[in-house]
Amino acid sequence: MSGPEDSEEDDDEEDEAPTSRWQGIESIFEAYQEYAEEQNLERQILETQCRRLEAQNYNLSLTAEQLSHSMGELVSQRQRLAAEREKLQAELEHFRKCLTLPQTQWPRGSHYKGYPPR
């Protein structure tokens, strides 16, 4: 029963089995290659976005530092202006007091026409 023909059939089955097995491995390998390429592309995109965000962060940090410095200057200027305003208000009040002369120094019914009599 087992003759030369049987051994040829076994050879054919052995040839077919590895081919179909390799076709499955090839499709897995192709899928992996596609996955690896997509992953590489995604990595490149993310690295580009990361560099852009780092640059944006650097620029925003510089802007924040400049604004903080400007804010400090403005607060200092506001304090100086408030102190100057208080000083000027005090001087103005002093001048108002000086301009308001007591009515007893002037004779009633007459207008001031020079220096008051001595």
PDB file of N, CA and C in Angstrom:
ATOM      1  N   MET A   1       0.789  -1.164   0.000  1.00  0.00           N
ATOM      2  CA  MET A   1       0.000   0.000   0.000  1.00  0.00           C
ATOM      3  C   MET A   1       0.844   1.245   0.000  1.00  0.00           C
ATOM      4  N   SER A   2       1.841   1.211   0.632  1.00  0.00           N
ATOM      5  CA  SER A   2       2.697   2.366   0.623  1.00  0.00           C
ATOM      6  C   SER A   2       3.748   2.167  -0.434  1.00  0.00           C
ATOM      7  N   GLY A   3       3.612   2.959  -1.486  1.00  0.00           N
ATOM      8  CA  GLY A   3       4.534   2.813  -2.588  1.00  0.00           C
ATOM      9  C   GLY A   3       5.165   4.140  -2.920  1.00  0.00           C
ATOM     10  N   PRO A   4       5.837   4.200  -4.078  1.00  0.00           N
ATOM     11  CA  PRO A   4       6.487   5.436  -4.465  1.00  0.00           C
ATOM     12  C   PRO A   4       5.489   6.574  -4.670  1.00  0.00           C
ATOM     13  N   GLU A   5       4.252   6.247  -5.062  1.00  0.00           N
ATOM     14  CA  GLU A   5       3.269   7.307  -5.284  1.00  0.00           C
ATOM     15  C   GLU A   5       2.894   7.976  -3.976  1.00  0.00           C
ATOM     16  N   ASP A   6       2.803   7.199  -2.912  1.00  0.00           N
ATOM     17  CA  ASP A   6       2.434   7.756  -1.622  1.00  0.00           C
ATOM     18  C   ASP A   6       3.494   8.747  -1.141  1.00  0.00           C
ATOM     19  N   SER A   7       4.742   8.455  -1.382  1.00  0.00           N
ATOM     20  CA  SER A   7       5.800   9.358  -0.941  1.00  0.00           C
ATOM     21  C   SER A   7       5.758  10.665  -1.728  1.00  0.00           C
ATOM     22  N   GLU A   8       5.336  10.611  -2.998  1.00  0.00           N
ATOM     23  CA  GLU A   8       5.205  11.837  -3.788  1.00  0.00           C
ATOM     24  C   GLU A   8       4.078  12.704  -3.256  1.00  0.00           C
ATOM     25  N   GLU A   9       2.968  12.085  -2.850  1.00  0.00           N
ATOM     26  CA  GLU A   9       1.848  12.835  -2.302  1.00  0.00           C
ATOM     27  C   GLU A   9       2.264  13.502  -0.995  1.00  0.00           C
ATOM     28  N   ASP A  10       3.029  12.803  -0.175  1.00  0.00           N
ATOM     29  CA  ASP A  10       3.509  13.391   1.069  1.00  0.00           C
ATOM     30  C   ASP A  10       4.392  14.599   0.785  1.00  0.00           C
ATOM     31  N   ASP A  11       5.223  14.509  -0.260  1.00  0.00           N
ATOM     32  CA  ASP A  11       6.093  15.619  -0.633  1.00  0.00           C
ATOM     33  C   ASP A  11       5.259  16.828  -1.058  1.00  0.00           C
ATOM     34  N   ASP A  12       4.171  16.567  -1.825  1.00  0.00           N
ATOM     35  CA  ASP A  12       3.306  17.658  -2.274  1.00  0.00           C
ATOM     36  C   ASP A  12       2.647  18.344  -1.083  1.00  0.00           C
ATOM     37  N   GLU A  13       2.176  17.548  -0.120  1.00  0.00           N
ATOM     38  CA  GLU A  13       1.538  18.126   1.051  1.00  0.00           C
ATOM     39  C   GLU A  13       2.533  18.938   1.865  1.00  0.00           C
ATOM     40  N   GLU A  14       3.748  18.475   1.963  1.00  0.00           N
ATOM     41  CA  GLU A  14       4.784  19.196   2.705  1.00  0.00           C
ATOM     42  C   GLU A  14       5.124  20.498   1.998  1.00  0.00           C
ATOM     43  N   ASP A  15       5.131  20.514   0.664  1.00  0.00           N
ATOM     44  CA  ASP A  15       5.415  21.735  -0.093  1.00  0.00           C
ATOM     45  C   ASP A  15       4.299  22.757   0.086  1.00  0.00           C
ATOM     46  N   GLU A  16       3.072  22.283   0.099  1.00  0.00           N
ATOM     47  CA  GLU A  16       1.943  23.206   0.215  1.00  0.00           C
ATOM     48  C   GLU A  16       1.850  23.786   1.625  1.00  0.00           C
ATOM     49  N   ALA A  17       2.078  23.025   2.628  1.00  0.00           N
ATOM     50  CA  ALA A  17       1.932  23.475   4.009  1.00  0.00           C
ATOM     51  C   ALA A  17       2.886  24.629   4.325  1.00  0.00           C
ATOM     52  N   PRO A  18       4.175  24.512   4.006  1.00  0.00           N
ATOM     53  CA  PRO A  18       5.066  25.637   4.315  1.00  0.00           C
ATOM     54  C   PRO A  18       4.695  26.890   3.538  1.00  0.00           C
ATOM     55  N   THR A  19       4.231  26.757   2.313  1.00  0.00           N
ATOM     56  CA  THR A  19       3.870  27.937   1.521  1.00  0.00           C
ATOM     57  C   THR A  19       2.717  28.672   2.175  1.00  0.00           C
ATOM     58  N   SER A  20       1.671  27.977   2.568  1.00  0.00           N
ATOM     59  CA  SER A  20       0.538  28.634   3.203  1.00  0.00           C
ATOM     60  C   SER A  20       0.944  29.193   4.564  1.00  0.00           C
ATOM     61  N   ARG A  21       1.821  28.493   5.252  1.00  0.00           N
ATOM     62  CA  ARG A  21       2.297  28.984   6.538  1.00  0.00           C
ATOM     63  C   ARG A  21       3.097  30.273   6.329  1.00  0.00           C
ATOM     64  N   TRP A  22       3.955  30.352   5.332  1.00  0.00           N
ATOM     65  CA  TRP A  22       4.755  31.548   5.068  1.00  0.00           C
ATOM     66  C   TRP A  22       3.871  32.697   4.588  1.00  0.00           C
ATOM     67  N   GLN A  23       2.794  32.383   3.896  1.00  0.00           N
ATOM     68  CA  GLN A  23       1.901  33.465   3.465  1.00  0.00           C
ATOM     69  C   GLN A  23       1.287  34.158   4.679  1.00  0.00           C
ATOM     70  N   GLY A  24       0.929  33.409   5.691  1.00  0.00           N
ATOM     71  CA  GLY A  24       0.397  34.005   6.922  1.00  0.00           C
ATOM     72  C   GLY A  24       1.439  34.858   7.619  1.00  0.00           C
ATOM     73  N   ILE A  25       2.653  34.372   7.676  1.00  0.00           N
ATOM     74  CA  ILE A  25       3.744  35.128   8.299  1.00  0.00           C
ATOM     75  C   ILE A  25       4.028  36.391   7.495  1.00  0.00           C
ATOM     76  N   GLU A  26       3.987  36.293   6.169  1.00  0.00           N
ATOM     77  CA  GLU A  26       4.216  37.467   5.325  1.00  0.00           C
ATOM     78  C   GLU A  26       3.162  38.537   5.565  1.00  0.00           C
ATOM     79  N   SER A  27       1.903  38.133   5.698  1.00  0.00           N
ATOM     80  CA  SER A  27       0.856  39.132   5.950  1.00  0.00           C
ATOM     81  C   SER A  27       1.031  39.773   7.324  1.00  0.00           C
ATOM     82  N   ILE A  28       1.457  38.984   8.298  1.00  0.00           N
ATOM     83  CA  ILE A  28       1.743  39.541   9.627  1.00  0.00           C
ATOM     84  C   ILE A  28       2.916  40.508   9.547  1.00  0.00           C
ATOM     85  N   PHE A  29       3.952  40.124   8.808  1.00  0.00           N
ATOM     86  CA  PHE A  29       5.117  40.989   8.644  1.00  0.00           C
ATOM     87  C   PHE A  29       4.730  42.289   7.944  1.00  0.00           C
ATOM     88  N   GLU A  30       3.906  42.215   6.900  1.00  0.00           N
ATOM     89  CA  GLU A  30       3.450  43.417   6.190  1.00  0.00           C
ATOM     90  C   GLU A  30       2.634  44.310   7.121  1.00  0.00           C
ATOM     91  N   ALA A  31       1.754  43.703   7.916  1.00  0.00           N
ATOM     92  CA  ALA A  31       0.956  44.481   8.866  1.00  0.00           C
ATOM     93  C   ALA A  31       1.866  45.162   9.887  1.00  0.00           C
ATOM     94  N   TYR A  32       2.886  44.437  10.345  1.00  0.00           N
ATOM     95  CA  TYR A  32       3.824  45.027  11.300  1.00  0.00           C
ATOM     96  C   TYR A  32       4.600  46.179  10.660  1.00  0.00           C
ATOM     97  N   GLN A  33       5.022  46.006   9.411  1.00  0.00           N
ATOM     98  CA  GLN A  33       5.745  47.069   8.700  1.00  0.00           C
ATOM     99  C   GLN A  33       4.867  48.324   8.604  1.00  0.00           C
ATOM    100  N   GLU A  34       3.600  48.122   8.250  1.00  0.00           N
ATOM    101  CA  GLU A  34       2.668  49.253   8.136  1.00  0.00           C
ATOM    102  C   GLU A  34       2.496  49.927   9.500  1.00  0.00           C
ATOM    103  N   TYR A  35       2.352  49.117  10.537  1.00  0.00           N
ATOM    104  CA  TYR A  35       2.226  49.642  11.894  1.00  0.00           C
ATOM    105  C   TYR A  35       3.473  50.447  12.279  1.00  0.00           C
ATOM    106  N   ALA A  36       4.644  49.909  11.980  1.00  0.00           N
ATOM    107  CA  ALA A  36       5.902  50.587  12.325  1.00  0.00           C
ATOM    108  C   ALA A  36       6.026  51.915  11.578  1.00  0.00           C
ATOM    109  N   GLU A  37       5.625  51.944  10.302  1.00  0.00           N
ATOM    110  CA  GLU A  37       5.677  53.180   9.529  1.00  0.00           C
ATOM    111  C   GLU A  37       4.710  54.223  10.095  1.00  0.00           C
ATOM    112  N   GLU A  38       3.499  53.792  10.451  1.00  0.00           N
ATOM    113  CA  GLU A  38       2.528  54.711  11.034  1.00  0.00           C
ATOM    114  C   GLU A  38       3.019  55.249  12.372  1.00  0.00           C
ATOM    115  N   GLN A  39       3.626  54.375  13.164  1.00  0.00           N
ATOM    116  CA  GLN A  39       4.155  54.786  14.454  1.00  0.00           C
ATOM    117  C   GLN A  39       5.295  55.793  14.267  1.00  0.00           C
ATOM    118  N   ASN A  40       6.147  55.567  13.266  1.00  0.00           N
ATOM    119  CA  ASN A  40       7.247  56.479  12.976  1.00  0.00           C
ATOM    120  C   ASN A  40       6.702  57.846  12.548  1.00  0.00           C
ATOM    121  N   LEU A  41       5.693  57.846  11.694  1.00  0.00           N
ATOM    122  CA  LEU A  41       5.079  59.095  11.247  1.00  0.00           C
ATOM    123  C   LEU A  41       4.457  59.835  12.431  1.00  0.00           C
ATOM    124  N   GLU A  42       3.744  59.113  13.274  1.00  0.00           N
ATOM    125  CA  GLU A  42       3.132  59.731  14.452  1.00  0.00           C
ATOM    126  C   GLU A  42       4.202  60.315  15.371  1.00  0.00           C
ATOM    127  N   ARG A  43       5.318  59.603  15.539  1.00  0.00           N
ATOM    128  CA  ARG A  43       6.416  60.093  16.376  1.00  0.00           C
ATOM    129  C   ARG A  43       6.971  61.402  15.802  1.00  0.00           C
ATOM    130  N   GLN A  44       7.147  61.447  14.474  1.00  0.00           N
ATOM    131  CA  GLN A  44       7.653  62.665  13.833  1.00  0.00           C
ATOM    132  C   GLN A  44       6.686  63.831  14.051  1.00  0.00           C
ATOM    133  N   ILE A  45       5.400  63.579  13.886  1.00  0.00           N
ATOM    134  CA  ILE A  45       4.395  64.628  14.077  1.00  0.00           C
ATOM    135  C   ILE A  45       4.424  65.137  15.522  1.00  0.00           C
ATOM    136  N   LEU A  46       4.468  64.195  16.472  1.00  0.00           N
ATOM    137  CA  LEU A  46       4.488  64.584  17.879  1.00  0.00           C
ATOM    138  C   LEU A  46       5.764  65.340  18.249  1.00  0.00           C
ATOM    139  N   GLU A  47       6.898  64.946  17.694  1.00  0.00           N
ATOM    140  CA  GLU A  47       8.148  65.669  17.953  1.00  0.00           C
ATOM    141  C   GLU A  47       8.080  67.079  17.394  1.00  0.00           C
ATOM    142  N   THR A  48       7.499  67.235  16.204  1.00  0.00           N
ATOM    143  CA  THR A  48       7.338  68.568  15.604  1.00  0.00           C
ATOM    144  C   THR A  48       6.437  69.430  16.487  1.00  0.00           C
ATOM    145  N   GLN A  49       5.319  68.864  16.921  1.00  0.00           N
ATOM    146  CA  GLN A  49       4.409  69.608  17.792  1.00  0.00           C
ATOM    147  C   GLN A  49       5.088  69.957  19.118  1.00  0.00           C
ATOM    148  N   CYS A  50       5.871  69.040  19.633  1.00  0.00           N
ATOM    149  CA  CYS A  50       6.577  69.276  20.888  1.00  0.00           C
ATOM    150  C   CYS A  50       7.559  70.441  20.748  1.00  0.00           C
ATOM    151  N   ARG A  51       8.325  70.452  19.652  1.00  0.00           N
ATOM    152  CA  ARG A  51       9.272  71.559  19.428  1.00  0.00           C
ATOM    153  C   ARG A  51       8.527  72.891  19.292  1.00  0.00           C
ATOM    154  N   ARG A  52       7.401  72.877  18.582  1.00  0.00           N
ATOM    155  CA  ARG A  52       6.610  74.102  18.413  1.00  0.00           C
ATOM    156  C   ARG A  52       6.083  74.577  19.768  1.00  0.00           C
ATOM    157  N   LEU A  53       5.595  73.661  20.591  1.00  0.00           N
ATOM    158  CA  LEU A  53       5.078  74.024  21.910  1.00  0.00           C
ATOM    159  C   LEU A  53       6.189  74.501  22.843  1.00  0.00           C
ATOM    160  N   GLU A  54       7.374  73.908  22.721  1.00  0.00           N
ATOM    161  CA  GLU A  54       8.502  74.367  23.538  1.00  0.00           C
ATOM    162  C   GLU A  54       8.873  75.793  23.165  1.00  0.00           C
ATOM    163  N   ALA A  55       8.893  76.094  21.865  1.00  0.00           N
ATOM    164  CA  ALA A  55       9.199  77.457  21.418  1.00  0.00           C
ATOM    165  C   ALA A  55       8.121  78.425  21.890  1.00  0.00           C
ATOM    166  N   GLN A  56       6.880  78.013  21.794  1.00  0.00           N
ATOM    167  CA  GLN A  56       5.776  78.865  22.240  1.00  0.00           C
ATOM    168  C   GLN A  56       5.873  79.095  23.752  1.00  0.00           C
ATOM    169  N   ASN A  57       6.192  78.061  24.494  1.00  0.00           N
ATOM    170  CA  ASN A  57       6.351  78.183  25.940  1.00  0.00           C
ATOM    171  C   ASN A  57       7.484  79.155  26.282  1.00  0.00           C
ATOM    172  N   TYR A  58       8.591  79.060  25.556  1.00  0.00           N
ATOM    173  CA  TYR A  58       9.722  79.958  25.788  1.00  0.00           C
ATOM    174  C   TYR A  58       9.311  81.408  25.550  1.00  0.00           C
ATOM    175  N   ASN A  59       8.616  81.641  24.419  1.00  0.00           N
ATOM    176  CA  ASN A  59       8.180  82.995  24.102  1.00  0.00           C
ATOM    177  C   ASN A  59       7.187  83.526  25.127  1.00  0.00           C
ATOM    178  N   LEU A  60       6.273  82.672  25.572  1.00  0.00           N
ATOM    179  CA  LEU A  60       5.302  83.099  26.578  1.00  0.00           C
ATOM    180  C   LEU A  60       5.979  83.364  27.918  1.00  0.00           C
ATOM    181  N   SER A  61       7.005  82.602  28.234  1.00  0.00           N
ATOM    182  CA  SER A  61       7.749  82.844  29.474  1.00  0.00           C
ATOM    183  C   SER A  61       8.453  84.200  29.422  1.00  0.00           C
ATOM    184  N   LEU A  62       9.044  84.514  28.268  1.00  0.00           N
ATOM    185  CA  LEU A  62       9.680  85.826  28.118  1.00  0.00           C
ATOM    186  C   LEU A  62       8.652  86.944  28.256  1.00  0.00           C
ATOM    187  N   THR A  63       7.514  86.773  27.616  1.00  0.00           N
ATOM    188  CA  THR A  63       6.449  87.781  27.700  1.00  0.00           C
ATOM    189  C   THR A  63       5.987  87.945  29.144  1.00  0.00           C
ATOM    190  N   ALA A  64       5.807  86.841  29.845  1.00  0.00           N
ATOM    191  CA  ALA A  64       5.372  86.902  31.249  1.00  0.00           C
ATOM    192  C   ALA A  64       6.406  87.637  32.098  1.00  0.00           C
ATOM    193  N   GLU A  65       7.680  87.368  31.841  1.00  0.00           N
ATOM    194  CA  GLU A  65       8.746  88.045  32.594  1.00  0.00           C
ATOM    195  C   GLU A  65       8.727  89.549  32.317  1.00  0.00           C
ATOM    196  N   GLN A  66       8.558  89.928  31.050  1.00  0.00           N
ATOM    197  CA  GLN A  66       8.496  91.345  30.692  1.00  0.00           C
ATOM    198  C   GLN A  66       7.280  92.019  31.323  1.00  0.00           C
ATOM    199  N   LEU A  67       6.143  91.335  31.295  1.00  0.00           N
ATOM    200  CA  LEU A  67       4.930  91.892  31.888  1.00  0.00           C
ATOM    201  C   LEU A  67       5.074  92.042  33.395  1.00  0.00           C
ATOM    202  N   SER A  68       5.716  91.088  34.022  1.00  0.00           N
ATOM    203  CA  SER A  68       5.946  91.167  35.464  1.00  0.00           C
ATOM    204  C   SER A  68       6.832  92.372  35.797  1.00  0.00           C
ATOM    205  N   HIS A  69       7.869  92.569  34.993  1.00  0.00           N
ATOM    206  CA  HIS A  69       8.755  93.722  35.190  1.00  0.00           C
ATOM    207  C   HIS A  69       7.979  95.021  34.990  1.00  0.00           C
ATOM    208  N   SER A  70       7.186  95.097  33.923  1.00  0.00           N
ATOM    209  CA  SER A  70       6.374  96.290  33.657  1.00  0.00           C
ATOM    210  C   SER A  70       5.386  96.536  34.785  1.00  0.00           C
ATOM    211  N   MET A  71       4.787  95.467  35.290  1.00  0.00           N
ATOM    212  CA  MET A  71       3.833  95.589  36.387  1.00  0.00           C
ATOM    213  C   MET A  71       4.511  96.177  37.617  1.00  0.00           C
ATOM    214  N   GLY A  72       5.710  95.714  37.916  1.00  0.00           N
ATOM    215  CA  GLY A  72       6.469  96.253  39.048  1.00  0.00           C
ATOM    216  C   GLY A  72       6.745  97.741  38.869  1.00  0.00           C
ATOM    217  N   GLU A  73       7.142  98.128  37.664  1.00  0.00           N
ATOM    218  CA  GLU A  73       7.394  99.546  37.389  1.00  0.00           C
ATOM    219  C   GLU A  73       6.126 100.373  37.536  1.00  0.00           C
ATOM    220  N   LEU A  74       5.010  99.844  37.040  1.00  0.00           N
ATOM    221  CA  LEU A  74       3.741 100.575  37.127  1.00  0.00           C
ATOM    222  C   LEU A  74       3.275 100.725  38.576  1.00  0.00           C
ATOM    223  N   VAL A  75       3.447  99.685  39.384  1.00  0.00           N
ATOM    224  CA  VAL A  75       3.074  99.771  40.797  1.00  0.00           C
ATOM    225  C   VAL A  75       3.939 100.816  41.491  1.00  0.00           C
ATOM    226  N   SER A  76       5.225 100.812  41.199  1.00  0.00           N
ATOM    227  CA  SER A  76       6.134 101.794  41.784  1.00  0.00           C
ATOM    228  C   SER A  76       5.745 103.210  41.353  1.00  0.00           C
ATOM    229  N   GLN A  77       5.434 103.367  40.084  1.00  0.00           N
ATOM    230  CA  GLN A  77       5.032 104.679  39.574  1.00  0.00           C
ATOM    231  C   GLN A  77       3.724 105.127  40.224  1.00  0.00           C
ATOM    232  N   ARG A  78       2.786 104.196  40.403  1.00  0.00           N
ATOM    233  CA  ARG A  78       1.514 104.540  41.047  1.00  0.00           C
ATOM    234  C   ARG A  78       1.753 105.008  42.480  1.00  0.00           C
ATOM    235  N   GLN A  79       2.668 104.358  43.188  1.00  0.00           N
ATOM    236  CA  GLN A  79       2.980 104.768  44.560  1.00  0.00           C
ATOM    237  C   GLN A  79       3.607 106.156  44.581  1.00  0.00           C
ATOM    238  N   ARG A  80       4.523 106.413  43.643  1.00  0.00           N
ATOM    239  CA  ARG A  80       5.150 107.739  43.569  1.00  0.00           C
ATOM    240  C   ARG A  80       4.098 108.814  43.266  1.00  0.00           C
ATOM    241  N   LEU A  81       3.201 108.503  42.326  1.00  0.00           N
ATOM    242  CA  LEU A  81       2.161 109.469  41.970  1.00  0.00           C
ATOM    243  C   LEU A  81       1.198 109.709  43.131  1.00  0.00           C
ATOM    244  N   ALA A  82       0.881 108.668  43.880  1.00  0.00           N
ATOM    245  CA  ALA A  82       0.005 108.835  45.044  1.00  0.00           C
ATOM    246  C   ALA A  82       0.662 109.720  46.092  1.00  0.00           C
ATOM    247  N   ALA A  83       1.961 109.503  46.321  1.00  0.00           N
ATOM    248  CA  ALA A  83       2.689 110.335  47.287  1.00  0.00           C
ATOM    249  C   ALA A  83       2.755 111.780  46.802  1.00  0.00           C
ATOM    250  N   GLU A  84       3.020 111.968  45.513  1.00  0.00           N
ATOM    251  CA  GLU A  84       3.068 113.326  44.959  1.00  0.00           C
ATOM    252  C   GLU A  84       1.694 113.987  45.037  1.00  0.00           C
ATOM    253  N   ARG A  85       0.659 113.231  44.789  1.00  0.00           N
ATOM    254  CA  ARG A  85      -0.702 113.778  44.857  1.00  0.00           C
ATOM    255  C   ARG A  85      -1.017 114.228  46.283  1.00  0.00           C
ATOM    256  N   GLU A  86      -0.654 113.406  47.270  1.00  0.00           N
ATOM    257  CA  GLU A  86      -0.870 113.786  48.668  1.00  0.00           C
ATOM    258  C   GLU A  86      -0.133 115.078  49.000  1.00  0.00           C
ATOM    259  N   LYS A  87       1.109 115.168  48.528  1.00  0.00           N
ATOM    260  CA  LYS A  87       1.922 116.360  48.788  1.00  0.00           C
ATOM    261  C   LYS A  87       1.266 117.581  48.145  1.00  0.00           C
ATOM    262  N   LEU A  88       0.841 117.445  46.890  1.00  0.00           N
ATOM    263  CA  LEU A  88       0.202 118.568  46.195  1.00  0.00           C
ATOM    264  C   LEU A  88      -1.136 118.937  46.833  1.00  0.00           C
ATOM    265  N   GLN A  89      -1.877 117.942  47.301  1.00  0.00           N
ATOM    266  CA  GLN A  89      -3.141 118.221  47.980  1.00  0.00           C
ATOM    267  C   GLN A  89      -2.884 119.017  49.263  1.00  0.00           C
ATOM    268  N   ALA A  90      -1.823 118.625  49.989  1.00  0.00           N
ATOM    269  CA  ALA A  90      -1.478 119.340  51.223  1.00  0.00           C
ATOM    270  C   ALA A  90      -1.064 120.777  50.907  1.00  0.00           C
ATOM    271  N   GLU A  91      -0.266 120.980  49.856  1.00  0.00           N
ATOM    272  CA  GLU A  91       0.141 122.332  49.468  1.00  0.00           C
ATOM    273  C   GLU A  91      -1.070 123.145  49.039  1.00  0.00           C
ATOM    274  N   LEU A  92      -1.971 122.559  48.286  1.00  0.00           N
ATOM    275  CA  LEU A  92      -3.180 123.251  47.841  1.00  0.00           C
ATOM    276  C   LEU A  92      -4.036 123.662  49.034  1.00  0.00           C
ATOM    277  N   GLU A  93      -4.175 122.766  49.981  1.00  0.00           N
ATOM    278  CA  GLU A  93      -4.945 123.081  51.193  1.00  0.00           C
ATOM    279  C   GLU A  93      -4.283 124.226  51.954  1.00  0.00           C
ATOM    280  N   HIS A  94      -2.957 124.201  52.007  1.00  0.00           N
ATOM    281  CA  HIS A  94      -2.225 125.288  52.667  1.00  0.00           C
ATOM    282  C   HIS A  94      -2.470 126.618  51.946  1.00  0.00           C
ATOM    283  N   PHE A  95      -2.434 126.620  50.620  1.00  0.00           N
ATOM    284  CA  PHE A  95      -2.695 127.846  49.854  1.00  0.00           C
ATOM    285  C   PHE A  95      -4.127 128.326  50.063  1.00  0.00           C
ATOM    286  N   ARG A  96      -5.061 127.420  50.122  1.00  0.00           N
ATOM    287  CA  ARG A  96      -6.459 127.807  50.364  1.00  0.00           C
ATOM    288  C   ARG A  96      -6.597 128.471  51.728  1.00  0.00           C
ATOM    289  N   LYS A  97      -5.907 127.909  52.711  1.00  0.00           N
ATOM    290  CA  LYS A  97      -5.959 128.507  54.050  1.00  0.00           C
ATOM    291  C   LYS A  97      -5.328 129.896  54.045  1.00  0.00           C
ATOM    292  N   CYS A  98      -4.252 130.050  53.295  1.00  0.00           N
ATOM    293  CA  CYS A  98      -3.580 131.341  53.212  1.00  0.00           C
ATOM    294  C   CYS A  98      -4.468 132.371  52.508  1.00  0.00           C
ATOM    295  N   LEU A  99      -5.223 131.948  51.495  1.00  0.00           N
ATOM    296  CA  LEU A  99      -6.082 132.870  50.748  1.00  0.00           C
ATOM    297  C   LEU A  99      -7.341 133.234  51.516  1.00  0.00           C
ATOM    298  N   THR A 100      -7.742 132.423  52.416  1.00  0.00           N
ATOM    299  CA  THR A 100      -8.921 132.718  53.224  1.00  0.00           C
ATOM    300  C   THR A 100      -8.452 133.520  54.417  1.00  0.00           C
ATOM    301  N   LEU A 101      -8.634 134.841  54.322  1.00  0.00           N
ATOM    302  CA  LEU A 101      -8.185 135.722  55.398  1.00  0.00           C
ATOM    303  C   LEU A 101      -9.360 135.987  56.334  1.00  0.00           C
ATOM    304  N   PRO A 102      -9.076 136.157  57.576  1.00  0.00           N
ATOM    305  CA  PRO A 102     -10.165 136.473  58.501  1.00  0.00           C
ATOM    306  C   PRO A 102     -10.808 137.806  58.131  1.00  0.00           C
ATOM    307  N   GLN A 103     -12.139 137.923  58.268  1.00  0.00           N
ATOM    308  CA  GLN A 103     -12.887 139.119  57.897  1.00  0.00           C
ATOM    309  C   GLN A 103     -12.638 140.273  58.872  1.00  0.00           C
ATOM    310  N   THR A 104     -12.101 140.017  60.024  1.00  0.00           N
ATOM    311  CA  THR A 104     -11.889 141.073  61.018  1.00  0.00           C
ATOM    312  C   THR A 104     -10.774 142.020  60.620  1.00  0.00           C
ATOM    313  N   GLN A 105      -9.908 141.657  59.724  1.00  0.00           N
ATOM    314  CA  GLN A 105      -8.814 142.540  59.324  1.00  0.00           C
ATOM    315  C   GLN A 105      -9.309 143.674  58.429  1.00  0.00           C
ATOM    316  N   TRP A 106     -10.445 143.531  57.779  1.00  0.00           N
ATOM    317  CA  TRP A 106     -10.931 144.533  56.831  1.00  0.00           C
ATOM    318  C   TRP A 106     -12.078 145.334  57.455  1.00  0.00           C
ATOM    319  N   PRO A 107     -12.077 146.616  57.191  1.00  0.00           N
ATOM    320  CA  PRO A 107     -13.216 147.416  57.679  1.00  0.00           C
ATOM    321  C   PRO A 107     -14.480 146.999  56.929  1.00  0.00           C
ATOM    322  N   ARG A 108     -15.634 147.023  57.610  1.00  0.00           N
ATOM    323  CA  ARG A 108     -16.877 146.591  56.988  1.00  0.00           C
ATOM    324  C   ARG A 108     -17.315 147.574  55.924  1.00  0.00           C
ATOM    325  N   GLY A 109     -17.811 146.982  54.818  1.00  0.00           N
ATOM    326  CA  GLY A 109     -18.343 147.793  53.735  1.00  0.00           C
ATOM    327  C   GLY A 109     -17.300 148.349  52.794  1.00  0.00           C
ATOM    328  N   SER A 110     -16.063 148.223  53.063  1.00  0.00           N
ATOM    329  CA  SER A 110     -15.060 148.729  52.139  1.00  0.00           C
ATOM    330  C   SER A 110     -14.389 147.577  51.419  1.00  0.00           C
ATOM    331  N   HIS A 111     -13.852 147.922  50.305  1.00  0.00           N
ATOM    332  CA  HIS A 111     -13.152 146.901  49.524  1.00  0.00           C
ATOM    333  C   HIS A 111     -11.662 147.051  49.735  1.00  0.00           C
ATOM    334  N   TYR A 112     -10.976 146.044  49.489  1.00  0.00           N
ATOM    335  CA  TYR A 112      -9.533 146.042  49.647  1.00  0.00           C
ATOM    336  C   TYR A 112      -8.924 146.844  48.520  1.00  0.00           C
ATOM    337  N   LYS A 113      -8.170 147.891  48.860  1.00  0.00           N
ATOM    338  CA  LYS A 113      -7.566 148.754  47.854  1.00  0.00           C
ATOM    339  C   LYS A 113      -6.083 148.888  48.087  1.00  0.00           C
ATOM    340  N   GLY A 114      -5.485 147.892  48.569  1.00  0.00           N
ATOM    341  CA  GLY A 114      -4.056 147.947  48.828  1.00  0.00           C
ATOM    342  C   GLY A 114      -3.766 147.233  50.117  1.00  0.00           C
ATOM    343  N   TYR A 115      -2.679 147.677  50.761  1.00  0.00           N
ATOM    344  CA  TYR A 115      -2.309 147.025  51.989  1.00  0.00           C
ATOM    345  C   TYR A 115      -3.231 147.520  53.117  1.00  0.00           C
ATOM    346  N   PRO A 116      -3.546 146.704  54.078  1.00  0.00           N
ATOM    347  CA  PRO A 116      -4.399 147.150  55.180  1.00  0.00           C
ATOM    348  C   PRO A 116      -3.669 148.199  56.038  1.00  0.00           C
ATOM    349  N   PRO A 117      -4.423 149.069  56.655  1.00  0.00           N
ATOM    350  CA  PRO A 117      -3.763 150.122  57.481  1.00  0.00           C
ATOM    351  C   PRO A 117      -3.047 149.492  58.678  1.00  0.00           C
ATOM    352  N   ARG A 118      -2.022 150.210  59.120  1.00  0.00           N
ATOM    353  CA  ARG A 118      -1.237 149.687  60.229  1.00  0.00           C
ATOM    354  C   ARG A 118      -1.488 150.434  61.473  1.00  0.00           C
TER     355      ARG A 118
END
